[in-house]
C-alpha atoms as a PDB file:
ATOM      1  CA  UNK A   1     100.210 165.108  33.524  1.00  0.00           C
ATOM      2  CA  UNK A   2     102.039 166.137  30.396  1.00  0.00           C
ATOM      3  CA  UNK A   3     102.661 169.858  29.920  1.00  0.00           C
ATOM      4  CA  UNK A   4     100.217 170.387  27.022  1.00  0.00           C
ATOM      5  CA  UNK A   5      97.324 168.751  28.917  1.00  0.00           C
ATOM      6  CA  UNK A   6      98.310 170.680  32.021  1.00  0.00           C
ATOM      7  CA  UNK A   7      98.253 173.997  30.144  1.00  0.00           C
ATOM      8  CA  UNK A   8      95.037 173.079  28.343  1.00  0.00           C
ATOM      9  CA  UNK A   9      93.147 172.413  31.563  1.00  0.00           C
ATOM     10  CA  UNK A  10      94.494 175.671  33.003  1.00  0.00           C
ATOM     11  CA  UNK A  11      93.324 177.592  29.942  1.00  0.00           C
ATOM     12  CA  UNK A  12      89.852 175.998  30.027  1.00  0.00           C
ATOM     13  CA  UNK A  13      89.585 176.626  33.780  1.00  0.00           C
ATOM     14  CA  UNK A  14      90.561 180.291  33.482  1.00  0.00           C
ATOM     15  CA  UNK A  15      88.473 180.894  30.346  1.00  0.00           C
ATOM     16  CA  UNK A  16      85.386 179.410  32.005  1.00  0.00           C
ATOM     17  CA  UNK A  17      86.018 181.251  35.248  1.00  0.00           C
ATOM     18  CA  UNK A  18      86.482 184.658  33.662  1.00  0.00           C
ATOM     19  CA  UNK A  19      83.664 183.869  31.232  1.00  0.00           C
ATOM     20  CA  UNK A  20      81.321 183.440  34.191  1.00  0.00           C
ATOM     21  CA  UNK A  21      82.654 186.403  36.180  1.00  0.00           C
ATOM     22  CA  UNK A  22      82.376 188.994  33.412  1.00  0.00           C
ATOM     23  CA  UNK A  23      78.618 188.777  32.700  1.00  0.00           C
ATOM     24  CA  UNK A  24      77.919 188.253  36.394  1.00  0.00           C
ATOM     25  CA  UNK A  25      79.707 191.502  37.225  1.00  0.00           C
ATOM     26  CA  UNK A  26      77.948 193.275  34.339  1.00  0.00           C
ATOM     27  CA  UNK A  27      74.603 192.711  36.103  1.00  0.00           C
ATOM     28  CA  UNK A  28      75.831 194.840  38.981  1.00  0.00           C
ATOM     29  CA  UNK A  29      77.197 197.684  36.880  1.00  0.00           C
ATOM     30  CA  UNK A  30      80.896 196.878  37.364  1.00  0.00           C
ATOM     31  CA  UNK A  31      81.680 197.462  33.670  1.00  0.00           C
ATOM     32  CA  UNK A  32      79.647 200.681  33.551  1.00  0.00           C
ATOM     33  CA  UNK A  33      76.028 201.772  33.380  1.00  0.00           C
ATOM     34  CA  UNK A  34      73.466 200.482  30.912  1.00  0.00           C
ATOM     35  CA  UNK A  35      73.981 202.043  27.501  1.00  0.00           C
ATOM     36  CA  UNK A  36      77.768 202.259  27.816  1.00  0.00           C
ATOM     37  CA  UNK A  37      79.676 200.727  24.915  1.00  0.00           C
ATOM     38  CA  UNK A  38      80.539 197.108  25.653  1.00  0.00           C
ATOM     39  CA  UNK A  39      78.053 196.835  28.512  1.00  0.00           C
ATOM     40  CA  UNK A  40      75.237 194.339  28.047  1.00  0.00           C
ATOM     41  CA  UNK A  41      73.047 195.050  31.073  1.00  0.00           C
ATOM     42  CA  UNK A  42      74.802 197.507  33.353  1.00  0.00           C
ATOM     43  CA  UNK A  43      72.416 196.937  36.227  1.00  0.00           C
ATOM     44  CA  UNK A  44      70.135 194.352  37.739  1.00  0.00           C
ATOM     45  CA  UNK A  45      66.946 195.895  36.323  1.00  0.00           C
ATOM     46  CA  UNK A  46      68.017 195.410  32.697  1.00  0.00           C
ATOM     47  CA  UNK A  47      69.296 191.906  33.394  1.00  0.00           C
ATOM     48  CA  UNK A  48      66.048 191.028  35.160  1.00  0.00           C
ATOM     49  CA  UNK A  49      64.041 191.917  32.046  1.00  0.00           C
ATOM     50  CA  UNK A  50      66.277 189.589  29.996  1.00  0.00           C
ATOM     51  CA  UNK A  51      66.052 186.802  32.593  1.00  0.00           C
ATOM     52  CA  UNK A  52      62.254 186.956  32.531  1.00  0.00           C
ATOM     53  CA  UNK A  53      62.348 186.632  28.729  1.00  0.00           C
ATOM     54  CA  UNK A  54      64.577 183.560  29.074  1.00  0.00           C
ATOM     55  CA  UNK A  55      62.248 182.015  31.640  1.00  0.00           C
ATOM     56  CA  UNK A  56      59.004 183.081  29.979  1.00  0.00           C
ATOM     57  CA  UNK A  57      57.416 179.777  31.033  1.00  0.00           C
ATOM     58  CA  UNK A  58      57.709 180.647  34.748  1.00  0.00           C
ATOM     59  CA  UNK A  59      55.857 183.187  36.898  1.00  0.00           C
ATOM     60  CA  UNK A  60      57.800 186.458  37.218  1.00  0.00           C
ATOM     61  CA  UNK A  61      58.572 185.951  40.908  1.00  0.00           C
ATOM     62  CA  UNK A  62      60.023 182.493  40.358  1.00  0.00           C
ATOM     63  CA  UNK A  63      61.988 183.669  37.326  1.00  0.00           C
ATOM     64  CA  UNK A  64      63.430 186.527  39.403  1.00  0.00           C
ATOM     65  CA  UNK A  65      64.399 184.135  42.187  1.00  0.00           C
ATOM     66  CA  UNK A  66      66.090 181.771  39.758  1.00  0.00           C
ATOM     67  CA  UNK A  67      67.903 184.710  38.146  1.00  0.00           C
ATOM     68  CA  UNK A  68      69.315 185.627  41.557  1.00  0.00           C
ATOM     69  CA  UNK A  69      70.358 182.027  42.259  1.00  0.00           C
ATOM     70  CA  UNK A  70      71.920 181.693  38.792  1.00  0.00           C
ATOM     71  CA  UNK A  71      73.822 184.966  39.211  1.00  0.00           C
ATOM     72  CA  UNK A  72      75.215 183.951  42.594  1.00  0.00           C
ATOM     73  CA  UNK A  73      76.175 180.540  41.166  1.00  0.00           C
ATOM     74  CA  UNK A  74      77.785 182.158  38.134  1.00  0.00           C
ATOM     75  CA  UNK A  75      79.930 184.442  40.281  1.00  0.00           C
ATOM     76  CA  UNK A  76      80.787 181.658  42.730  1.00  0.00           C
ATOM     77  CA  UNK A  77      81.768 179.208  39.969  1.00  0.00           C
ATOM     78  CA  UNK A  78      83.794 181.956  38.281  1.00  0.00           C
ATOM     79  CA  UNK A  79      85.789 182.716  41.431  1.00  0.00           C
ATOM     80  CA  UNK A  80      86.319 179.029  42.262  1.00  0.00           C
ATOM     81  CA  UNK A  81      87.474 178.198  38.742  1.00  0.00           C
ATOM     82  CA  UNK A  82      89.909 181.113  38.568  1.00  0.00           C
ATOM     83  CA  UNK A  83      91.330 180.183  41.975  1.00  0.00           C
ATOM     84  CA  UNK A  84      91.313 176.482  41.199  1.00  0.00           C
ATOM     85  CA  UNK A  85      89.469 175.675  44.411  1.00  0.00           C
ATOM     86  CA  UNK A  86      86.896 172.854  44.473  1.00  0.00           C
ATOM     87  CA  UNK A  87      87.560 172.801  40.755  1.00  0.00           C
ATOM     88  CA  UNK A  88      85.729 169.578  39.931  1.00  0.00           C
ATOM     89  CA  UNK A  89      82.536 170.741  41.676  1.00  0.00           C
ATOM     90  CA  UNK A  90      82.763 174.201  40.107  1.00  0.00           C
ATOM     91  CA  UNK A  91      83.279 172.619  36.685  1.00  0.00           C
ATOM     92  CA  UNK A  92      80.237 170.339  37.068  1.00  0.00           C
ATOM     93  CA  UNK A  93      78.194 173.289  38.312  1.00  0.00           C
ATOM     94  CA  UNK A  94      79.313 175.537  35.484  1.00  0.00           C
ATOM     95  CA  UNK A  95      78.475 172.827  32.951  1.00  0.00           C
ATOM     96  CA  UNK A  96      74.986 172.414  34.383  1.00  0.00           C
ATOM     97  CA  UNK A  97      74.424 176.157  34.700  1.00  0.00           C
ATOM     98  CA  UNK A  98      75.517 176.814  31.113  1.00  0.00           C
ATOM     99  CA  UNK A  99      73.358 173.939  29.887  1.00  0.00           C
ATOM    100  CA  UNK A 100      70.344 175.420  31.667  1.00  0.00           C
ATOM    101  CA  UNK A 101      71.114 178.808  30.062  1.00  0.00           C
ATOM    102  CA  UNK A 102      71.404 177.138  26.645  1.00  0.00           C
ATOM    103  CA  UNK A 103      68.094 175.299  26.985  1.00  0.00           C
ATOM    104  CA  UNK A 104      66.275 178.432  28.175  1.00  0.00           C
ATOM    105  CA  UNK A 105      67.788 180.461  25.325  1.00  0.00           C
ATOM    106  CA  UNK A 106      66.710 177.753  22.875  1.00  0.00           C
ATOM    107  CA  UNK A 107      63.136 177.740  24.201  1.00  0.00           C
ATOM    108  CA  UNK A 108      62.873 181.526  24.327  1.00  0.00           C
ATOM    109  CA  UNK A 109      64.700 182.579  21.170  1.00  0.00           C
ATOM    110  CA  UNK A 110      65.267 179.490  19.025  1.00  0.00           C
ATOM    111  CA  UNK A 111      68.230 177.186  18.609  1.00  0.00           C
ATOM    112  CA  UNK A 112      70.473 179.648  16.753  1.00  0.00           C
ATOM    113  CA  UNK A 113      70.917 181.974  19.744  1.00  0.00           C
ATOM    114  CA  UNK A 114      72.634 179.498  22.086  1.00  0.00           C
ATOM    115  CA  UNK A 115      74.574 178.107  19.114  1.00  0.00           C
ATOM    116  CA  UNK A 116      75.711 181.560  17.973  1.00  0.00           C
ATOM    117  CA  UNK A 117      76.810 182.446  21.524  1.00  0.00           C
ATOM    118  CA  UNK A 118      78.483 179.026  21.976  1.00  0.00           C
ATOM    119  CA  UNK A 119      76.594 178.330  25.204  1.00  0.00           C
ATOM    120  CA  UNK A 120      76.525 174.581  24.513  1.00  0.00           C
ATOM    121  CA  UNK A 121      80.308 174.745  24.026  1.00  0.00           C
ATOM    122  CA  UNK A 122      80.705 176.476  27.393  1.00  0.00           C
ATOM    123  CA  UNK A 123      78.593 173.750  28.982  1.00  0.00           C
ATOM    124  CA  UNK A 124      80.647 171.020  27.314  1.00  0.00           C
ATOM    125  CA  UNK A 125      83.875 172.688  28.459  1.00  0.00           C
ATOM    126  CA  UNK A 126      82.624 172.632  32.053  1.00  0.00           C
ATOM    127  CA  UNK A 127      81.734 168.954  31.826  1.00  0.00           C
ATOM    128  CA  UNK A 128      85.067 168.135  30.178  1.00  0.00           C
ATOM    129  CA  UNK A 129      86.999 170.076  32.816  1.00  0.00           C
ATOM    130  CA  UNK A 130      85.179 168.103  35.510  1.00  0.00           C
ATOM    131  CA  UNK A 131      86.729 164.895  34.157  1.00  0.00           C
ATOM    132  CA  UNK A 132      90.339 166.090  34.338  1.00  0.00           C
ATOM    133  CA  UNK A 133      92.186 163.989  36.942  1.00  0.00           C
ATOM    134  CA  UNK A 134      94.597 166.713  38.145  1.00  0.00           C
ATOM    135  CA  UNK A 135      94.356 170.515  38.181  1.00  0.00           C
ATOM    136  CA  UNK A 136      97.854 171.940  37.812  1.00  0.00           C
ATOM    137  CA  UNK A 137      98.424 175.515  38.957  1.00  0.00           C
ATOM    138  CA  UNK A 138      95.465 175.496  41.329  1.00  0.00           C
ATOM    139  CA  UNK A 139      94.766 175.732  45.021  1.00  0.00           C
ATOM    140  CA  UNK A 140      93.392 172.184  44.732  1.00  0.00           C
ATOM    141  CA  UNK A 141      96.841 171.082  43.556  1.00  0.00           C
ATOM    142  CA  UNK A 142      98.454 172.651  46.623  1.00  0.00           C
ATOM    143  CA  UNK A 143      95.911 171.209  49.046  1.00  0.00           C
ATOM    144  CA  UNK A 144      95.486 167.696  47.711  1.00  0.00           C
ATOM    145  CA  UNK A 145      98.885 166.619  46.395  1.00  0.00           C
END
């Protein structure tokens, strides 16, 4: 793999990974409590209210369950992408997860919200990363080459 493609896939992998870890950690107050500058949710309760708005078409209990599953997936994909472990699967999963976020945001708030927050771009980046034949600077590279 040429050096520019190798660096590009590394950048996409790290950007996606950290991009999934940061909001996932925010839901558990890692970046500070709700109301702190730069903190979106700050705790699960505030995130849960947002998640129920996104999934307005589902009963509250199901929306809460899916919010838990999505949060676990988001953190898992983030860690795997940063480490470069099971990268292809994490990339496919992150693409699907971001696409589901984008569609729910579109249904709940209109098309501009997922466009303004580039959620479709995040999804596309996950799908594109999943097609890369070789993940330089990854645990996958150490294990499978």
